[in-house]
């Protein structure tokens, strides 16, 4: 029972991050019907933006090695609220980068009526440019956040269950709480606000939405901003639990995000949440002696889902009109 609870806590923490990261994929796919392969690079940028604000400099390598953004000490370091502000700024900057990606990689393709596959390849090219630019500027080394980014909060909570101890890292609680709060806010925005209704109208039929007076281009920009914001914040949350593991560390999460949205159902927001939690829990319950194969769990589930239910857990079967 102790091991069960420990794995459950670990799985919910990482699964909630998978969910908010995959929502970025889902939002763009529901509007444009295209997978944005640059989303993993935006995830990486979010971690680096927040790290820059909190620490202020990169000491190991790169063109900006030794440059100190805050010579007198970072104002975003020392209290949980300061770090939360840094994370929000980092996520906002990531959202703006996602909007720039839409302008450079997607809008020109839409204007030409190009095949969606070309836009996908274009986003992949932008992702490669971003990660290589990060490597040139700060190097390929890993960077760790300071251990006191959450202020005086205890690093872990010790629970006594059945005479045994369960260790719950504070960062896991924060990750899960922030992820669930974001999911609730996004669900409210999409389901109850005028902006959300307009986004759903554009996703359902852009042509009809335009005839009804909805600015399709503006809401596509909003979609990309929300996608980038969620991806950047997910990058920050993951890097606080582990590290900013180099420019390419978003690639792995990008691939897992694809597995999540296919498992949950392409274009389904509840599906992205369920898929993220399922994959997170599945990885957590991999026995320690087989931990080397943990990264393969998401793709094994993806393979099984494609065989048994191609539309995903909560996706709808497409009806082709003839």
C-alpha atoms as a PDB file:
ATOM      1  CA  UNK A   1       0.000   0.000   0.000  1.00  0.00           C
ATOM      2  CA  UNK A   2       2.858   2.370   0.783  1.00  0.00           C
ATOM      3  CA  UNK A   3       4.464   1.768  -2.609  1.00  0.00           C
ATOM      4  CA  UNK A   4       1.075   2.199  -4.269  1.00  0.00           C
ATOM      5  CA  UNK A   5       0.522   5.610  -2.674  1.00  0.00           C
ATOM      6  CA  UNK A   6       4.091   6.728  -3.426  1.00  0.00           C
ATOM      7  CA  UNK A   7       3.771   5.782  -7.093  1.00  0.00           C
ATOM      8  CA  UNK A   8       0.336   7.394  -7.259  1.00  0.00           C
ATOM      9  CA  UNK A   9       1.715  10.703  -5.977  1.00  0.00           C
ATOM     10  CA  UNK A  10       4.675  10.590  -8.368  1.00  0.00           C
ATOM     11  CA  UNK A  11       2.448   9.717 -11.320  1.00  0.00           C
ATOM     12  CA  UNK A  12      -0.097  12.465 -10.659  1.00  0.00           C
ATOM     13  CA  UNK A  13       2.666  15.083 -10.353  1.00  0.00           C
ATOM     14  CA  UNK A  14       4.402  14.298 -13.654  1.00  0.00           C
ATOM     15  CA  UNK A  15       1.130  13.382 -15.383  1.00  0.00           C
ATOM     16  CA  UNK A  16      -0.360  16.791 -14.625  1.00  0.00           C
ATOM     17  CA  UNK A  17       2.639  18.433 -16.329  1.00  0.00           C
ATOM     18  CA  UNK A  18       2.173  16.182 -19.358  1.00  0.00           C
ATOM     19  CA  UNK A  19      -1.464  17.296 -19.433  1.00  0.00           C
ATOM     20  CA  UNK A  20      -0.856  21.059 -19.501  1.00  0.00           C
ATOM     21  CA  UNK A  21       1.984  20.611 -22.004  1.00  0.00           C
ATOM     22  CA  UNK A  22      -0.207  18.498 -24.292  1.00  0.00           C
ATOM     23  CA  UNK A  23      -2.996  21.079 -24.076  1.00  0.00           C
ATOM     24  CA  UNK A  24      -0.754  23.399 -26.078  1.00  0.00           C
ATOM     25  CA  UNK A  25      -0.667  20.838 -28.870  1.00  0.00           C
ATOM     26  CA  UNK A  26      -4.415  20.289 -28.586  1.00  0.00           C
ATOM     27  CA  UNK A  27      -5.364  23.973 -28.798  1.00  0.00           C
ATOM     28  CA  UNK A  28      -3.407  24.522 -32.014  1.00  0.00           C
ATOM     29  CA  UNK A  29      -4.559  21.244 -33.560  1.00  0.00           C
ATOM     30  CA  UNK A  30      -8.218  21.970 -32.793  1.00  0.00           C
ATOM     31  CA  UNK A  31      -7.973  25.318 -34.624  1.00  0.00           C
ATOM     32  CA  UNK A  32      -5.634  24.565 -37.546  1.00  0.00           C
ATOM     33  CA  UNK A  33      -5.639  20.767 -37.732  1.00  0.00           C
ATOM     34  CA  UNK A  34      -1.815  20.857 -37.586  1.00  0.00           C
ATOM     35  CA  UNK A  35       0.705  19.588 -35.028  1.00  0.00           C
ATOM     36  CA  UNK A  36       3.021  22.411 -33.953  1.00  0.00           C
ATOM     37  CA  UNK A  37       6.419  20.716 -33.670  1.00  0.00           C
ATOM     38  CA  UNK A  38       7.934  23.938 -32.308  1.00  0.00           C
ATOM     39  CA  UNK A  39       5.953  23.451 -29.078  1.00  0.00           C
ATOM     40  CA  UNK A  40       8.773  21.411 -27.504  1.00  0.00           C
ATOM     41  CA  UNK A  41      11.211  24.268 -28.193  1.00  0.00           C
ATOM     42  CA  UNK A  42       8.812  26.733 -26.544  1.00  0.00           C
ATOM     43  CA  UNK A  43       8.681  24.373 -23.547  1.00  0.00           C
ATOM     44  CA  UNK A  44      12.487  24.603 -23.340  1.00  0.00           C
ATOM     45  CA  UNK A  45      12.438  28.391 -23.704  1.00  0.00           C
ATOM     46  CA  UNK A  46      10.040  28.716 -20.774  1.00  0.00           C
ATOM     47  CA  UNK A  47      12.523  26.957 -18.499  1.00  0.00           C
ATOM     48  CA  UNK A  48      15.423  29.107 -19.705  1.00  0.00           C
ATOM     49  CA  UNK A  49      13.452  32.356 -19.402  1.00  0.00           C
ATOM     50  CA  UNK A  50      12.522  31.609 -15.797  1.00  0.00           C
ATOM     51  CA  UNK A  51      16.027  30.441 -14.931  1.00  0.00           C
ATOM     52  CA  UNK A  52      17.446  33.677 -16.364  1.00  0.00           C
ATOM     53  CA  UNK A  53      15.118  35.765 -14.199  1.00  0.00           C
ATOM     54  CA  UNK A  54      15.786  33.774 -11.027  1.00  0.00           C
ATOM     55  CA  UNK A  55      19.561  33.246 -11.318  1.00  0.00           C
ATOM     56  CA  UNK A  56      20.506  36.101 -13.636  1.00  0.00           C
ATOM     57  CA  UNK A  57      23.480  34.534 -15.411  1.00  0.00           C
ATOM     58  CA  UNK A  58      24.901  31.460 -17.151  1.00  0.00           C
ATOM     59  CA  UNK A  59      28.380  30.564 -15.977  1.00  0.00           C
ATOM     60  CA  UNK A  60      29.294  27.425 -17.916  1.00  0.00           C
ATOM     61  CA  UNK A  61      29.397  28.167 -21.628  1.00  0.00           C
ATOM     62  CA  UNK A  62      27.937  30.069 -24.566  1.00  0.00           C
ATOM     63  CA  UNK A  63      28.146  33.568 -25.985  1.00  0.00           C
ATOM     64  CA  UNK A  64      26.573  35.178 -22.916  1.00  0.00           C
ATOM     65  CA  UNK A  65      28.754  33.271 -20.453  1.00  0.00           C
ATOM     66  CA  UNK A  66      29.411  35.456 -17.408  1.00  0.00           C
ATOM     67  CA  UNK A  67      26.855  38.132 -18.346  1.00  0.00           C
ATOM     68  CA  UNK A  68      24.917  39.042 -15.195  1.00  0.00           C
ATOM     69  CA  UNK A  69      21.403  40.352 -15.720  1.00  0.00           C
ATOM     70  CA  UNK A  70      21.112  41.438 -12.078  1.00  0.00           C
ATOM     71  CA  UNK A  71      24.517  42.505 -10.671  1.00  0.00           C
ATOM     72  CA  UNK A  72      22.909  43.498  -7.361  1.00  0.00           C
ATOM     73  CA  UNK A  73      21.013  40.210  -7.026  1.00  0.00           C
ATOM     74  CA  UNK A  74      17.893  38.881  -8.697  1.00  0.00           C
ATOM     75  CA  UNK A  75      14.593  40.320  -7.401  1.00  0.00           C
ATOM     76  CA  UNK A  76      12.931  37.037  -8.386  1.00  0.00           C
ATOM     77  CA  UNK A  77      14.845  34.905  -5.888  1.00  0.00           C
ATOM     78  CA  UNK A  78      14.173  34.315  -2.234  1.00  0.00           C
ATOM     79  CA  UNK A  79      10.426  33.941  -1.804  1.00  0.00           C
ATOM     80  CA  UNK A  80       7.781  31.701  -3.379  1.00  0.00           C
ATOM     81  CA  UNK A  81       5.889  34.752  -4.678  1.00  0.00           C
ATOM     82  CA  UNK A  82       8.979  36.134  -6.388  1.00  0.00           C
ATOM     83  CA  UNK A  83       9.567  32.816  -8.105  1.00  0.00           C
ATOM     84  CA  UNK A  84       5.890  32.593  -9.092  1.00  0.00           C
ATOM     85  CA  UNK A  85       6.181  36.026 -10.727  1.00  0.00           C
ATOM     86  CA  UNK A  86       9.309  34.894 -12.596  1.00  0.00           C
ATOM     87  CA  UNK A  87       7.495  31.752 -13.796  1.00  0.00           C
ATOM     88  CA  UNK A  88       4.544  33.833 -15.047  1.00  0.00           C
ATOM     89  CA  UNK A  89       6.872  36.244 -16.872  1.00  0.00           C
ATOM     90  CA  UNK A  90       8.750  33.305 -18.404  1.00  0.00           C
ATOM     91  CA  UNK A  91       5.480  31.713 -19.529  1.00  0.00           C
ATOM     92  CA  UNK A  92       4.277  35.033 -20.983  1.00  0.00           C
ATOM     93  CA  UNK A  93       7.507  35.426 -22.949  1.00  0.00           C
ATOM     94  CA  UNK A  94       7.055  31.867 -24.209  1.00  0.00           C
ATOM     95  CA  UNK A  95       3.544  32.762 -25.331  1.00  0.00           C
ATOM     96  CA  UNK A  96       4.895  35.747 -27.266  1.00  0.00           C
ATOM     97  CA  UNK A  97       7.493  33.512 -28.931  1.00  0.00           C
ATOM     98  CA  UNK A  98       4.673  31.141 -29.930  1.00  0.00           C
ATOM     99  CA  UNK A  99       2.837  34.091 -31.508  1.00  0.00           C
ATOM    100  CA  UNK A 100       6.009  34.947 -33.434  1.00  0.00           C
ATOM    101  CA  UNK A 101       6.222  31.328 -34.610  1.00  0.00           C
ATOM    102  CA  UNK A 102       2.644  31.594 -35.870  1.00  0.00           C
ATOM    103  CA  UNK A 103       3.558  34.731 -37.831  1.00  0.00           C
ATOM    104  CA  UNK A 104       6.700  33.208 -39.355  1.00  0.00           C
ATOM    105  CA  UNK A 105       5.877  29.530 -39.831  1.00  0.00           C
ATOM    106  CA  UNK A 106       2.108  29.174 -40.075  1.00  0.00           C
ATOM    107  CA  UNK A 107       0.506  32.382 -41.354  1.00  0.00           C
ATOM    108  CA  UNK A 108       2.471  32.551 -44.637  1.00  0.00           C
ATOM    109  CA  UNK A 109       1.476  28.934 -45.353  1.00  0.00           C
ATOM    110  CA  UNK A 110      -2.188  29.648 -44.659  1.00  0.00           C
ATOM    111  CA  UNK A 111      -2.082  32.740 -46.890  1.00  0.00           C
ATOM    112  CA  UNK A 112      -0.796  30.626 -49.773  1.00  0.00           C
ATOM    113  CA  UNK A 113      -3.246  27.797 -49.132  1.00  0.00           C
ATOM    114  CA  UNK A 114      -0.290  25.441 -48.741  1.00  0.00           C
ATOM    115  CA  UNK A 115      -0.621  21.804 -47.769  1.00  0.00           C
ATOM    116  CA  UNK A 116      -0.767  21.375 -43.951  1.00  0.00           C
ATOM    117  CA  UNK A 117       2.234  19.071 -44.168  1.00  0.00           C
ATOM    118  CA  UNK A 118       4.366  22.021 -45.286  1.00  0.00           C
ATOM    119  CA  UNK A 119       3.345  24.022 -42.209  1.00  0.00           C
ATOM    120  CA  UNK A 120       4.293  21.053 -40.045  1.00  0.00           C
ATOM    121  CA  UNK A 121       7.729  20.889 -41.654  1.00  0.00           C
ATOM    122  CA  UNK A 122       8.067  24.648 -41.271  1.00  0.00           C
ATOM    123  CA  UNK A 123       7.365  24.434 -37.516  1.00  0.00           C
ATOM    124  CA  UNK A 124       9.962  21.674 -37.225  1.00  0.00           C
ATOM    125  CA  UNK A 125      12.513  23.958 -38.869  1.00  0.00           C
ATOM    126  CA  UNK A 126      11.677  26.773 -36.434  1.00  0.00           C
ATOM    127  CA  UNK A 127      12.138  24.349 -33.517  1.00  0.00           C
ATOM    128  CA  UNK A 128      15.612  23.421 -34.724  1.00  0.00           C
ATOM    129  CA  UNK A 129      16.545  27.089 -35.088  1.00  0.00           C
ATOM    130  CA  UNK A 130      15.383  27.850 -31.531  1.00  0.00           C
ATOM    131  CA  UNK A 131      17.201  24.990 -29.803  1.00  0.00           C
ATOM    132  CA  UNK A 132      20.417  25.691 -31.716  1.00  0.00           C
ATOM    133  CA  UNK A 133      20.176  29.375 -30.864  1.00  0.00           C
ATOM    134  CA  UNK A 134      19.814  28.442 -27.177  1.00  0.00           C
ATOM    135  CA  UNK A 135      22.895  26.236 -27.438  1.00  0.00           C
ATOM    136  CA  UNK A 136      24.922  29.027 -29.036  1.00  0.00           C
ATOM    137  CA  UNK A 137      23.908  31.515 -26.348  1.00  0.00           C
ATOM    138  CA  UNK A 138      24.127  29.433 -23.146  1.00  0.00           C
ATOM    139  CA  UNK A 139      25.793  26.149 -24.109  1.00  0.00           C
ATOM    140  CA  UNK A 140      24.543  22.590 -23.857  1.00  0.00           C
ATOM    141  CA  UNK A 141      25.142  22.092 -20.123  1.00  0.00           C
ATOM    142  CA  UNK A 142      22.428  21.473 -17.548  1.00  0.00           C
ATOM    143  CA  UNK A 143      21.490  24.194 -15.078  1.00  0.00           C
ATOM    144  CA  UNK A 144      19.820  23.689 -11.698  1.00  0.00           C
ATOM    145  CA  UNK A 145      17.556  26.147  -9.958  1.00  0.00           C
ATOM    146  CA  UNK A 146      18.716  27.232  -6.476  1.00  0.00           C
ATOM    147  CA  UNK A 147      17.375  24.936  -3.736  1.00  0.00           C
ATOM    148  CA  UNK A 148      15.626  27.841  -1.985  1.00  0.00           C
ATOM    149  CA  UNK A 149      13.452  29.062  -4.875  1.00  0.00           C
ATOM    150  CA  UNK A 150      10.362  28.280  -2.792  1.00  0.00           C
ATOM    151  CA  UNK A 151      11.656  30.225   0.170  1.00  0.00           C
ATOM    152  CA  UNK A 152      11.326  28.647   3.604  1.00  0.00           C
ATOM    153  CA  UNK A 153       9.015  25.841   2.493  1.00  0.00           C
ATOM    154  CA  UNK A 154      10.165  22.404   3.585  1.00  0.00           C
ATOM    155  CA  UNK A 155      11.744  20.435   0.724  1.00  0.00           C
ATOM    156  CA  UNK A 156       9.538  17.419   1.455  1.00  0.00           C
ATOM    157  CA  UNK A 157       6.545  16.273   3.463  1.00  0.00           C
ATOM    158  CA  UNK A 158       6.757  13.024   5.416  1.00  0.00           C
ATOM    159  CA  UNK A 159       3.536  11.042   5.705  1.00  0.00           C
ATOM    160  CA  UNK A 160       3.170   8.080   8.062  1.00  0.00           C
ATOM    161  CA  UNK A 161       0.973   5.379   6.533  1.00  0.00           C
ATOM    162  CA  UNK A 162       0.677   1.937   8.101  1.00  0.00           C
ATOM    163  CA  UNK A 163       3.869   2.382  10.072  1.00  0.00           C
ATOM    164  CA  UNK A 164       5.849   3.281   6.943  1.00  0.00           C
ATOM    165  CA  UNK A 165       6.993   6.604   5.532  1.00  0.00           C
ATOM    166  CA  UNK A 166       5.846   8.223   2.303  1.00  0.00           C
ATOM    167  CA  UNK A 167       7.995  11.097   1.070  1.00  0.00           C
ATOM    168  CA  UNK A 168       6.149  13.771  -0.883  1.00  0.00           C
ATOM    169  CA  UNK A 169       8.459  16.393  -2.366  1.00  0.00           C
ATOM    170  CA  UNK A 170       7.143  19.914  -1.976  1.00  0.00           C
ATOM    171  CA  UNK A 171       7.815  20.573  -5.644  1.00  0.00           C
ATOM    172  CA  UNK A 172       5.519  17.665  -6.545  1.00  0.00           C
ATOM    173  CA  UNK A 173       2.670  19.210  -4.552  1.00  0.00           C
ATOM    174  CA  UNK A 174       3.286  22.594  -6.174  1.00  0.00           C
ATOM    175  CA  UNK A 175       3.429  21.078  -9.670  1.00  0.00           C
ATOM    176  CA  UNK A 176       0.175  19.192  -9.201  1.00  0.00           C
ATOM    177  CA  UNK A 177      -1.637  22.154  -7.593  1.00  0.00           C
ATOM    178  CA  UNK A 178      -0.505  24.638 -10.261  1.00  0.00           C
ATOM    179  CA  UNK A 179      -1.352  22.221 -13.078  1.00  0.00           C
ATOM    180  CA  UNK A 180      -4.848  21.533 -11.748  1.00  0.00           C
ATOM    181  CA  UNK A 181      -5.466  25.262 -11.224  1.00  0.00           C
ATOM    182  CA  UNK A 182      -4.415  25.981 -14.808  1.00  0.00           C
ATOM    183  CA  UNK A 183      -6.652  23.225 -16.138  1.00  0.00           C
ATOM    184  CA  UNK A 184      -9.635  24.591 -14.217  1.00  0.00           C
ATOM    185  CA  UNK A 185      -8.987  28.145 -15.428  1.00  0.00           C
ATOM    186  CA  UNK A 186      -8.571  26.997 -19.027  1.00  0.00           C
ATOM    187  CA  UNK A 187     -11.714  24.896 -18.805  1.00  0.00           C
ATOM    188  CA  UNK A 188     -13.651  27.919 -17.541  1.00  0.00           C
ATOM    189  CA  UNK A 189     -12.242  30.197 -20.250  1.00  0.00           C
ATOM    190  CA  UNK A 190     -13.001  27.743 -23.059  1.00  0.00           C
ATOM    191  CA  UNK A 191     -16.421  26.739 -21.757  1.00  0.00           C
ATOM    192  CA  UNK A 192     -17.909  29.859 -20.171  1.00  0.00           C
ATOM    193  CA  UNK A 193     -16.422  33.020 -21.661  1.00  0.00           C
ATOM    194  CA  UNK A 194     -17.096  34.794 -24.953  1.00  0.00           C
ATOM    195  CA  UNK A 195     -13.472  34.329 -25.960  1.00  0.00           C
ATOM    196  CA  UNK A 196     -13.741  30.603 -25.357  1.00  0.00           C
ATOM    197  CA  UNK A 197     -16.954  30.353 -27.346  1.00  0.00           C
ATOM    198  CA  UNK A 198     -15.327  32.235 -30.209  1.00  0.00           C
ATOM    199  CA  UNK A 199     -12.342  29.854 -30.099  1.00  0.00           C
ATOM    200  CA  UNK A 200     -14.695  26.879 -30.269  1.00  0.00           C
ATOM    201  CA  UNK A 201     -16.540  28.461 -33.192  1.00  0.00           C
ATOM    202  CA  UNK A 202     -13.279  28.969 -35.085  1.00  0.00           C
ATOM    203  CA  UNK A 203     -12.277  25.375 -34.315  1.00  0.00           C
ATOM    204  CA  UNK A 204     -15.630  24.083 -35.570  1.00  0.00           C
ATOM    205  CA  UNK A 205     -15.742  26.034 -38.832  1.00  0.00           C
ATOM    206  CA  UNK A 206     -13.451  29.022 -39.529  1.00  0.00           C
ATOM    207  CA  UNK A 207     -15.440  30.088 -42.583  1.00  0.00           C
ATOM    208  CA  UNK A 208     -18.749  30.249 -40.739  1.00  0.00           C
ATOM    209  CA  UNK A 209     -17.093  31.944 -37.755  1.00  0.00           C
ATOM    210  CA  UNK A 210     -15.742  34.628 -40.077  1.00  0.00           C
ATOM    211  CA  UNK A 211     -19.213  35.214 -41.558  1.00  0.00           C
ATOM    212  CA  UNK A 212     -20.536  35.713 -38.015  1.00  0.00           C
ATOM    213  CA  UNK A 213     -18.060  38.539 -37.448  1.00  0.00           C
ATOM    214  CA  UNK A 214     -15.355  36.634 -35.571  1.00  0.00           C
ATOM    215  CA  UNK A 215     -11.801  37.634 -36.469  1.00  0.00           C
ATOM    216  CA  UNK A 216     -10.300  34.235 -37.245  1.00  0.00           C
ATOM    217  CA  UNK A 217      -6.731  35.552 -37.469  1.00  0.00           C
ATOM    218  CA  UNK A 218      -6.966  37.245 -34.068  1.00  0.00           C
ATOM    219  CA  UNK A 219      -8.236  34.122 -32.364  1.00  0.00           C
ATOM    220  CA  UNK A 220      -5.555  32.017 -33.998  1.00  0.00           C
ATOM    221  CA  UNK A 221      -3.010  34.384 -32.410  1.00  0.00           C
ATOM    222  CA  UNK A 222      -4.772  34.004 -29.037  1.00  0.00           C
ATOM    223  CA  UNK A 223      -4.632  30.237 -29.438  1.00  0.00           C
ATOM    224  CA  UNK A 224      -0.904  30.264 -30.100  1.00  0.00           C
ATOM    225  CA  UNK A 225      -0.302  32.561 -27.127  1.00  0.00           C
ATOM    226  CA  UNK A 226      -2.245  30.255 -24.798  1.00  0.00           C
ATOM    227  CA  UNK A 227      -0.391  27.267 -26.236  1.00  0.00           C
ATOM    228  CA  UNK A 228       3.002  28.892 -25.695  1.00  0.00           C
ATOM    229  CA  UNK A 229       2.066  30.085 -22.206  1.00  0.00           C
ATOM    230  CA  UNK A 230       1.085  26.574 -21.131  1.00  0.00           C
ATOM    231  CA  UNK A 231       4.182  25.046 -22.731  1.00  0.00           C
ATOM    232  CA  UNK A 232       6.532  27.580 -21.145  1.00  0.00           C
ATOM    233  CA  UNK A 233       5.014  27.142 -17.699  1.00  0.00           C
ATOM    234  CA  UNK A 234       5.220  23.355 -18.047  1.00  0.00           C
ATOM    235  CA  UNK A 235       8.920  23.722 -18.884  1.00  0.00           C
ATOM    236  CA  UNK A 236       9.492  25.759 -15.723  1.00  0.00           C
ATOM    237  CA  UNK A 237       7.637  23.259 -13.528  1.00  0.00           C
ATOM    238  CA  UNK A 238       9.588  20.298 -14.898  1.00  0.00           C
ATOM    239  CA  UNK A 239      12.938  22.065 -14.585  1.00  0.00           C
ATOM    240  CA  UNK A 240      12.327  22.931 -10.933  1.00  0.00           C
ATOM    241  CA  UNK A 241      11.717  19.267 -10.186  1.00  0.00           C
ATOM    242  CA  UNK A 242      14.722  18.036 -12.178  1.00  0.00           C
ATOM    243  CA  UNK A 243      16.900  20.590 -13.996  1.00  0.00           C
ATOM    244  CA  UNK A 244      17.124  22.695 -17.132  1.00  0.00           C
ATOM    245  CA  UNK A 245      18.680  19.755 -18.928  1.00  0.00           C
ATOM    246  CA  UNK A 246      20.086  21.441 -22.010  1.00  0.00           C
ATOM    247  CA  UNK A 247      18.525  22.957 -25.148  1.00  0.00           C
ATOM    248  CA  UNK A 248      17.112  19.656 -26.369  1.00  0.00           C
ATOM    249  CA  UNK A 249      15.377  18.542 -23.189  1.00  0.00           C
ATOM    250  CA  UNK A 250      12.040  19.694 -24.582  1.00  0.00           C
ATOM    251  CA  UNK A 251      12.310  17.188 -27.429  1.00  0.00           C
ATOM    252  CA  UNK A 252      11.515  14.217 -25.185  1.00  0.00           C
ATOM    253  CA  UNK A 253       8.531  15.992 -23.675  1.00  0.00           C
ATOM    254  CA  UNK A 254       7.437  17.044 -27.141  1.00  0.00           C
ATOM    255  CA  UNK A 255       7.293  13.419 -28.251  1.00  0.00           C
ATOM    256  CA  UNK A 256       5.454  12.438 -25.075  1.00  0.00           C
ATOM    257  CA  UNK A 257       3.024  15.282 -25.672  1.00  0.00           C
ATOM    258  CA  UNK A 258       2.215  13.787 -29.060  1.00  0.00           C
ATOM    259  CA  UNK A 259       1.594  10.426 -27.407  1.00  0.00           C
ATOM    260  CA  UNK A 260      -0.676  12.129 -24.863  1.00  0.00           C
ATOM    261  CA  UNK A 261      -2.914  13.850 -27.401  1.00  0.00           C
ATOM    262  CA  UNK A 262      -3.234  10.720 -29.545  1.00  0.00           C
ATOM    263  CA  UNK A 263      -4.013   8.631 -26.461  1.00  0.00           C
ATOM    264  CA  UNK A 264      -6.610  11.111 -25.217  1.00  0.00           C
ATOM    265  CA  UNK A 265      -8.016  11.982 -28.641  1.00  0.00           C
ATOM    266  CA  UNK A 266      -6.775  14.552 -31.161  1.00  0.00           C
ATOM    267  CA  UNK A 267      -8.372  17.937 -30.541  1.00  0.00           C
ATOM    268  CA  UNK A 268     -10.007  16.890 -27.266  1.00  0.00           C
ATOM    269  CA  UNK A 269      -9.112  19.074 -24.262  1.00  0.00           C
ATOM    270  CA  UNK A 270     -10.487  16.586 -21.674  1.00  0.00           C
ATOM    271  CA  UNK A 271      -8.679  13.874 -23.632  1.00  0.00           C
ATOM    272  CA  UNK A 272      -5.340  15.681 -23.257  1.00  0.00           C
ATOM    273  CA  UNK A 273      -5.858  15.849 -19.482  1.00  0.00           C
ATOM    274  CA  UNK A 274      -6.832  12.191 -19.189  1.00  0.00           C
ATOM    275  CA  UNK A 275      -4.042  11.081 -21.531  1.00  0.00           C
ATOM    276  CA  UNK A 276      -1.415  13.030 -19.562  1.00  0.00           C
ATOM    277  CA  UNK A 277      -2.494  11.557 -16.245  1.00  0.00           C
ATOM    278  CA  UNK A 278      -2.687   8.031 -17.678  1.00  0.00           C
ATOM    279  CA  UNK A 279       0.844   8.191 -19.094  1.00  0.00           C
ATOM    280  CA  UNK A 280       2.215   9.794 -15.927  1.00  0.00           C
ATOM    281  CA  UNK A 281       0.713   7.081 -13.749  1.00  0.00           C
ATOM    282  CA  UNK A 282       1.827   4.329 -16.114  1.00  0.00           C
ATOM    283  CA  UNK A 283       5.434   5.575 -15.972  1.00  0.00           C
ATOM    284  CA  UNK A 284       5.336   5.859 -12.176  1.00  0.00           C
ATOM    285  CA  UNK A 285       4.264   2.230 -11.775  1.00  0.00           C
ATOM    286  CA  UNK A 286       7.140   0.846 -13.850  1.00  0.00           C
ATOM    287  CA  UNK A 287       9.194  -1.325 -11.437  1.00  0.00           C
ATOM    288  CA  UNK A 288      12.556   0.162 -10.486  1.00  0.00           C
ATOM    289  CA  UNK A 289      14.487  -2.731 -12.071  1.00  0.00           C
ATOM    290  CA  UNK A 290      12.947  -1.772 -15.418  1.00  0.00           C
ATOM    291  CA  UNK A 291      13.341   2.005 -15.032  1.00  0.00           C
ATOM    292  CA  UNK A 292      15.521   2.123 -18.158  1.00  0.00           C
ATOM    293  CA  UNK A 293      12.408   1.309 -20.187  1.00  0.00           C
ATOM    294  CA  UNK A 294      10.205   3.961 -18.521  1.00  0.00           C
ATOM    295  CA  UNK A 295      10.501   6.343 -21.463  1.00  0.00           C
ATOM    296  CA  UNK A 296       9.014   3.676 -23.743  1.00  0.00           C
ATOM    297  CA  UNK A 297       5.762   3.412 -21.766  1.00  0.00           C
ATOM    298  CA  UNK A 298       4.101   6.385 -23.470  1.00  0.00           C
ATOM    299  CA  UNK A 299       4.794   5.013 -26.934  1.00  0.00           C
ATOM    300  CA  UNK A 300       3.740   1.485 -25.996  1.00  0.00           C
ATOM    301  CA  UNK A 301       0.389   2.897 -24.854  1.00  0.00           C
ATOM    302  CA  UNK A 302       0.221   4.934 -28.052  1.00  0.00           C
ATOM    303  CA  UNK A 303       0.789   1.818 -30.176  1.00  0.00           C
ATOM    304  CA  UNK A 304      -1.907  -0.150 -28.336  1.00  0.00           C
ATOM    305  CA  UNK A 305      -4.381   2.743 -28.584  1.00  0.00           C
ATOM    306  CA  UNK A 306      -3.839   3.099 -32.339  1.00  0.00           C
ATOM    307  CA  UNK A 307      -4.595  -0.590 -32.753  1.00  0.00           C
ATOM    308  CA  UNK A 308      -7.667  -0.750 -30.516  1.00  0.00           C
ATOM    309  CA  UNK A 309      -9.203   2.744 -30.656  1.00  0.00           C
ATOM    310  CA  UNK A 310      -7.554   5.023 -33.235  1.00  0.00           C
ATOM    311  CA  UNK A 311      -9.670   8.043 -32.249  1.00  0.00           C
ATOM    312  CA  UNK A 312      -8.289   7.959 -28.682  1.00  0.00           C
ATOM    313  CA  UNK A 313      -9.949   7.592 -25.290  1.00  0.00           C
ATOM    314  CA  UNK A 314     -12.203  10.642 -25.570  1.00  0.00           C
ATOM    315  CA  UNK A 315     -11.887  11.425 -29.273  1.00  0.00           C
ATOM    316  CA  UNK A 316     -14.706  11.101 -31.753  1.00  0.00           C
ATOM    317  CA  UNK A 317     -14.619   8.977 -34.857  1.00  0.00           C
ATOM    318  CA  UNK A 318     -14.388  11.177 -37.942  1.00  0.00           C
ATOM    319  CA  UNK A 319     -17.325  10.902 -40.309  1.00  0.00           C
ATOM    320  CA  UNK A 320     -16.327  11.413 -43.931  1.00  0.00           C
ATOM    321  CA  UNK A 321     -18.997  12.898 -46.145  1.00  0.00           C
ATOM    322  CA  UNK A 322     -19.221  11.516 -49.661  1.00  0.00           C
END
